[in-house]
């Protein structure tokens, strides 16, 4: 939990605070120059998480037969 908190604070400072700080400030040394790469990484991570979530929900619905119009798939066959 501590690692996730540190990563969250680091990312938040990188994306929200460093754009308004002068480039010569010492704090800028701790962050990559390209903020676009951070945005692309988090977007890719979000899309990946959503695809895994919806795949899991879809498979669970089909396996339990709760989805209307789709027959239950028998796992034994």
N, C-alpha and C. Protein backbone atom coordinates (compact mmCIF):
# COMPACT_ATOMS: atom_id res chain seq x y z
N UNK A 1 0.81 -1.19 0.00
CA UNK A 1 0.00 0.00 0.00
C UNK A 1 0.86 1.26 0.00
N UNK A 2 1.99 1.18 0.68
CA UNK A 2 2.90 2.31 0.74
C UNK A 2 3.49 2.59 -0.64
N UNK A 3 3.83 1.52 -1.36
CA UNK A 3 4.41 1.68 -2.70
C UNK A 3 3.39 2.35 -3.63
N UNK A 4 2.15 1.92 -3.58
CA UNK A 4 1.11 2.52 -4.42
C UNK A 4 0.90 3.99 -4.08
N UNK A 5 0.95 4.32 -2.80
CA UNK A 5 0.80 5.72 -2.39
C UNK A 5 1.95 6.58 -2.90
N UNK A 6 3.16 6.06 -2.79
CA UNK A 6 4.33 6.79 -3.28
C UNK A 6 4.24 6.99 -4.79
N UNK A 7 3.86 5.93 -5.53
CA UNK A 7 3.72 6.06 -6.98
C UNK A 7 2.63 7.05 -7.35
N UNK A 8 1.53 7.05 -6.62
CA UNK A 8 0.44 7.99 -6.88
C UNK A 8 0.89 9.43 -6.65
N UNK A 9 1.58 9.66 -5.56
CA UNK A 9 2.07 11.02 -5.26
C UNK A 9 3.10 11.45 -6.31
N UNK A 10 4.00 10.56 -6.69
CA UNK A 10 5.01 10.87 -7.70
C UNK A 10 4.34 11.24 -9.02
N UNK A 11 3.39 10.44 -9.46
CA UNK A 11 2.70 10.70 -10.72
C UNK A 11 1.90 12.00 -10.66
N UNK A 12 1.24 12.24 -9.54
CA UNK A 12 0.45 13.46 -9.38
C UNK A 12 1.34 14.71 -9.44
N UNK A 13 2.46 14.66 -8.74
CA UNK A 13 3.39 15.80 -8.78
C UNK A 13 3.93 15.97 -10.19
N UNK A 14 4.26 14.87 -10.85
CA UNK A 14 4.82 14.92 -12.20
C UNK A 14 3.84 15.54 -13.19
N UNK A 15 2.58 15.13 -13.12
CA UNK A 15 1.60 15.60 -14.09
C UNK A 15 0.97 16.95 -13.75
N UNK A 16 0.80 17.25 -12.46
CA UNK A 16 0.06 18.45 -12.09
C UNK A 16 0.92 19.61 -11.59
N UNK A 17 2.05 19.29 -10.95
CA UNK A 17 2.84 20.35 -10.32
C UNK A 17 3.99 20.80 -11.21
N UNK A 18 4.72 19.85 -11.81
CA UNK A 18 5.90 20.24 -12.58
C UNK A 18 5.61 21.10 -13.80
N UNK A 19 4.45 21.04 -14.44
CA UNK A 19 4.22 21.95 -15.58
C UNK A 19 4.23 23.43 -15.19
N UNK A 20 3.92 23.74 -13.94
CA UNK A 20 3.85 25.15 -13.53
C UNK A 20 5.13 25.61 -12.82
N UNK A 21 6.09 24.71 -12.65
CA UNK A 21 7.36 25.06 -12.02
C UNK A 21 8.37 25.39 -13.12
N UNK A 22 9.23 26.34 -12.86
CA UNK A 22 10.27 26.73 -13.81
C UNK A 22 11.16 25.53 -14.13
N UNK A 23 11.61 25.45 -15.39
CA UNK A 23 12.43 24.30 -15.80
C UNK A 23 13.78 24.26 -15.11
N UNK A 24 14.26 25.34 -14.57
CA UNK A 24 15.54 25.37 -13.87
C UNK A 24 15.42 24.96 -12.41
N UNK A 25 14.22 24.76 -11.94
CA UNK A 25 14.00 24.39 -10.53
C UNK A 25 14.60 23.00 -10.27
N UNK A 26 15.15 22.80 -9.06
CA UNK A 26 15.80 21.52 -8.74
C UNK A 26 14.83 20.34 -8.75
N UNK A 27 13.55 20.58 -8.53
CA UNK A 27 12.56 19.51 -8.51
C UNK A 27 12.39 18.85 -9.88
N UNK A 28 12.68 19.59 -10.94
CA UNK A 28 12.53 19.06 -12.30
C UNK A 28 13.52 17.92 -12.60
N UNK A 29 14.58 17.80 -11.82
CA UNK A 29 15.57 16.74 -12.05
C UNK A 29 15.00 15.35 -11.78
N UNK A 30 13.97 15.26 -10.94
CA UNK A 30 13.44 13.96 -10.53
C UNK A 30 12.38 13.40 -11.48
N UNK A 31 12.04 14.15 -12.50
CA UNK A 31 10.96 13.74 -13.40
C UNK A 31 11.44 13.75 -14.84
N UNK A 32 10.93 12.79 -15.65
CA UNK A 32 11.27 12.80 -17.09
C UNK A 32 10.73 14.07 -17.75
N UNK A 33 11.37 14.45 -18.82
CA UNK A 33 10.97 15.66 -19.53
C UNK A 33 9.61 15.48 -20.21
N UNK A 34 9.41 14.35 -20.84
CA UNK A 34 8.21 14.13 -21.64
C UNK A 34 7.03 13.69 -20.77
N UNK A 35 6.09 14.56 -20.58
CA UNK A 35 4.88 14.21 -19.83
C UNK A 35 3.93 13.38 -20.67
N UNK A 36 4.06 13.49 -21.99
CA UNK A 36 3.19 12.73 -22.89
C UNK A 36 3.37 11.23 -22.70
N UNK A 37 4.60 10.80 -22.42
CA UNK A 37 4.84 9.37 -22.21
C UNK A 37 4.11 8.88 -20.96
N UNK A 38 4.05 9.70 -19.93
CA UNK A 38 3.30 9.33 -18.72
C UNK A 38 1.81 9.23 -18.98
N UNK A 39 1.29 10.16 -19.77
CA UNK A 39 -0.13 10.10 -20.12
C UNK A 39 -0.46 8.90 -20.99
N UNK A 40 0.44 8.59 -21.94
CA UNK A 40 0.20 7.42 -22.79
C UNK A 40 0.26 6.13 -21.98
N UNK A 41 1.20 6.06 -21.04
CA UNK A 41 1.33 4.86 -20.22
C UNK A 41 0.08 4.64 -19.38
N UNK A 42 -0.42 5.69 -18.74
CA UNK A 42 -1.61 5.52 -17.90
C UNK A 42 -2.85 5.23 -18.73
N UNK A 43 -2.93 5.80 -19.93
CA UNK A 43 -4.05 5.50 -20.82
C UNK A 43 -4.00 4.04 -21.24
N UNK A 44 -2.84 3.56 -21.63
CA UNK A 44 -2.69 2.15 -22.01
C UNK A 44 -3.01 1.23 -20.84
N UNK A 45 -2.55 1.58 -19.65
CA UNK A 45 -2.84 0.79 -18.46
C UNK A 45 -4.33 0.77 -18.17
N UNK A 46 -5.00 1.90 -18.31
CA UNK A 46 -6.45 1.96 -18.09
C UNK A 46 -7.22 1.11 -19.09
N UNK A 47 -6.85 1.21 -20.37
CA UNK A 47 -7.51 0.39 -21.39
C UNK A 47 -7.30 -1.10 -21.13
N UNK A 48 -6.10 -1.47 -20.72
CA UNK A 48 -5.82 -2.87 -20.42
C UNK A 48 -6.65 -3.36 -19.25
N UNK A 49 -6.73 -2.57 -18.20
CA UNK A 49 -7.53 -2.95 -17.03
C UNK A 49 -9.00 -3.08 -17.39
N UNK A 50 -9.52 -2.14 -18.17
CA UNK A 50 -10.92 -2.21 -18.58
C UNK A 50 -11.19 -3.43 -19.46
N UNK A 51 -10.28 -3.75 -20.36
CA UNK A 51 -10.50 -4.92 -21.21
C UNK A 51 -10.49 -6.21 -20.40
N UNK A 52 -9.59 -6.32 -19.42
CA UNK A 52 -9.59 -7.50 -18.56
C UNK A 52 -10.87 -7.58 -17.72
N UNK A 53 -11.31 -6.44 -17.21
CA UNK A 53 -12.53 -6.41 -16.41
C UNK A 53 -13.74 -6.84 -17.24
N UNK A 54 -13.93 -6.26 -18.41
CA UNK A 54 -15.09 -6.60 -19.22
C UNK A 54 -15.02 -8.01 -19.77
N UNK A 55 -13.83 -8.51 -20.04
CA UNK A 55 -13.68 -9.90 -20.46
C UNK A 55 -14.08 -10.83 -19.32
N UNK A 56 -13.64 -10.53 -18.12
CA UNK A 56 -14.00 -11.34 -16.95
C UNK A 56 -15.50 -11.34 -16.72
N UNK A 57 -16.12 -10.16 -16.78
CA UNK A 57 -17.56 -10.07 -16.57
C UNK A 57 -18.31 -10.82 -17.67
N UNK A 58 -17.88 -10.68 -18.91
CA UNK A 58 -18.53 -11.38 -20.01
C UNK A 58 -18.43 -12.89 -19.87
N UNK A 59 -17.27 -13.38 -19.52
CA UNK A 59 -17.10 -14.83 -19.34
C UNK A 59 -17.93 -15.31 -18.16
N UNK A 60 -17.97 -14.55 -17.08
CA UNK A 60 -18.76 -14.94 -15.91
C UNK A 60 -20.25 -14.97 -16.25
N UNK A 61 -20.72 -14.02 -17.02
CA UNK A 61 -22.13 -14.01 -17.42
C UNK A 61 -22.47 -15.20 -18.30
N UNK A 62 -21.60 -15.51 -19.23
CA UNK A 62 -21.86 -16.64 -20.12
C UNK A 62 -21.80 -17.96 -19.36
N UNK A 63 -20.84 -18.09 -18.47
CA UNK A 63 -20.68 -19.35 -17.73
C UNK A 63 -21.85 -19.59 -16.76
N UNK A 64 -22.41 -18.53 -16.19
CA UNK A 64 -23.52 -18.71 -15.25
C UNK A 64 -24.87 -18.71 -15.95
N UNK A 65 -24.91 -18.33 -17.20
CA UNK A 65 -26.17 -18.34 -17.94
C UNK A 65 -27.07 -17.16 -17.59
N UNK A 66 -26.54 -16.10 -17.02
CA UNK A 66 -27.34 -14.95 -16.62
C UNK A 66 -27.58 -13.96 -17.76
N UNK A 67 -26.84 -14.11 -18.83
CA UNK A 67 -27.00 -13.19 -19.95
C UNK A 67 -28.15 -13.64 -20.83
N UNK A 68 -29.11 -12.77 -21.12
CA UNK A 68 -30.25 -13.17 -21.93
C UNK A 68 -29.84 -13.46 -23.37
N UNK A 69 -30.35 -14.53 -23.90
CA UNK A 69 -30.11 -14.86 -25.30
C UNK A 69 -28.87 -15.69 -25.56
N UNK A 70 -28.10 -16.01 -24.54
CA UNK A 70 -26.91 -16.83 -24.72
C UNK A 70 -27.05 -18.06 -23.86
N UNK A 71 -26.82 -19.20 -24.49
CA UNK A 71 -26.92 -20.45 -23.74
C UNK A 71 -25.67 -20.65 -22.89
N UNK A 72 -25.84 -21.37 -21.80
CA UNK A 72 -24.73 -21.65 -20.90
C UNK A 72 -23.75 -22.60 -21.57
N UNK A 73 -22.46 -22.30 -21.44
CA UNK A 73 -21.43 -23.15 -21.97
C UNK A 73 -21.05 -24.15 -20.90
N UNK A 74 -21.09 -25.41 -21.24
CA UNK A 74 -20.75 -26.45 -20.27
C UNK A 74 -19.24 -26.59 -20.22
N UNK A 75 -18.66 -26.39 -19.06
CA UNK A 75 -17.21 -26.43 -18.91
C UNK A 75 -16.66 -27.85 -18.99
N UNK A 76 -17.51 -28.87 -18.83
CA UNK A 76 -17.04 -30.24 -18.84
C UNK A 76 -16.82 -30.77 -20.26
N UNK A 77 -17.43 -30.18 -21.24
CA UNK A 77 -17.31 -30.72 -22.60
C UNK A 77 -16.29 -30.00 -23.42
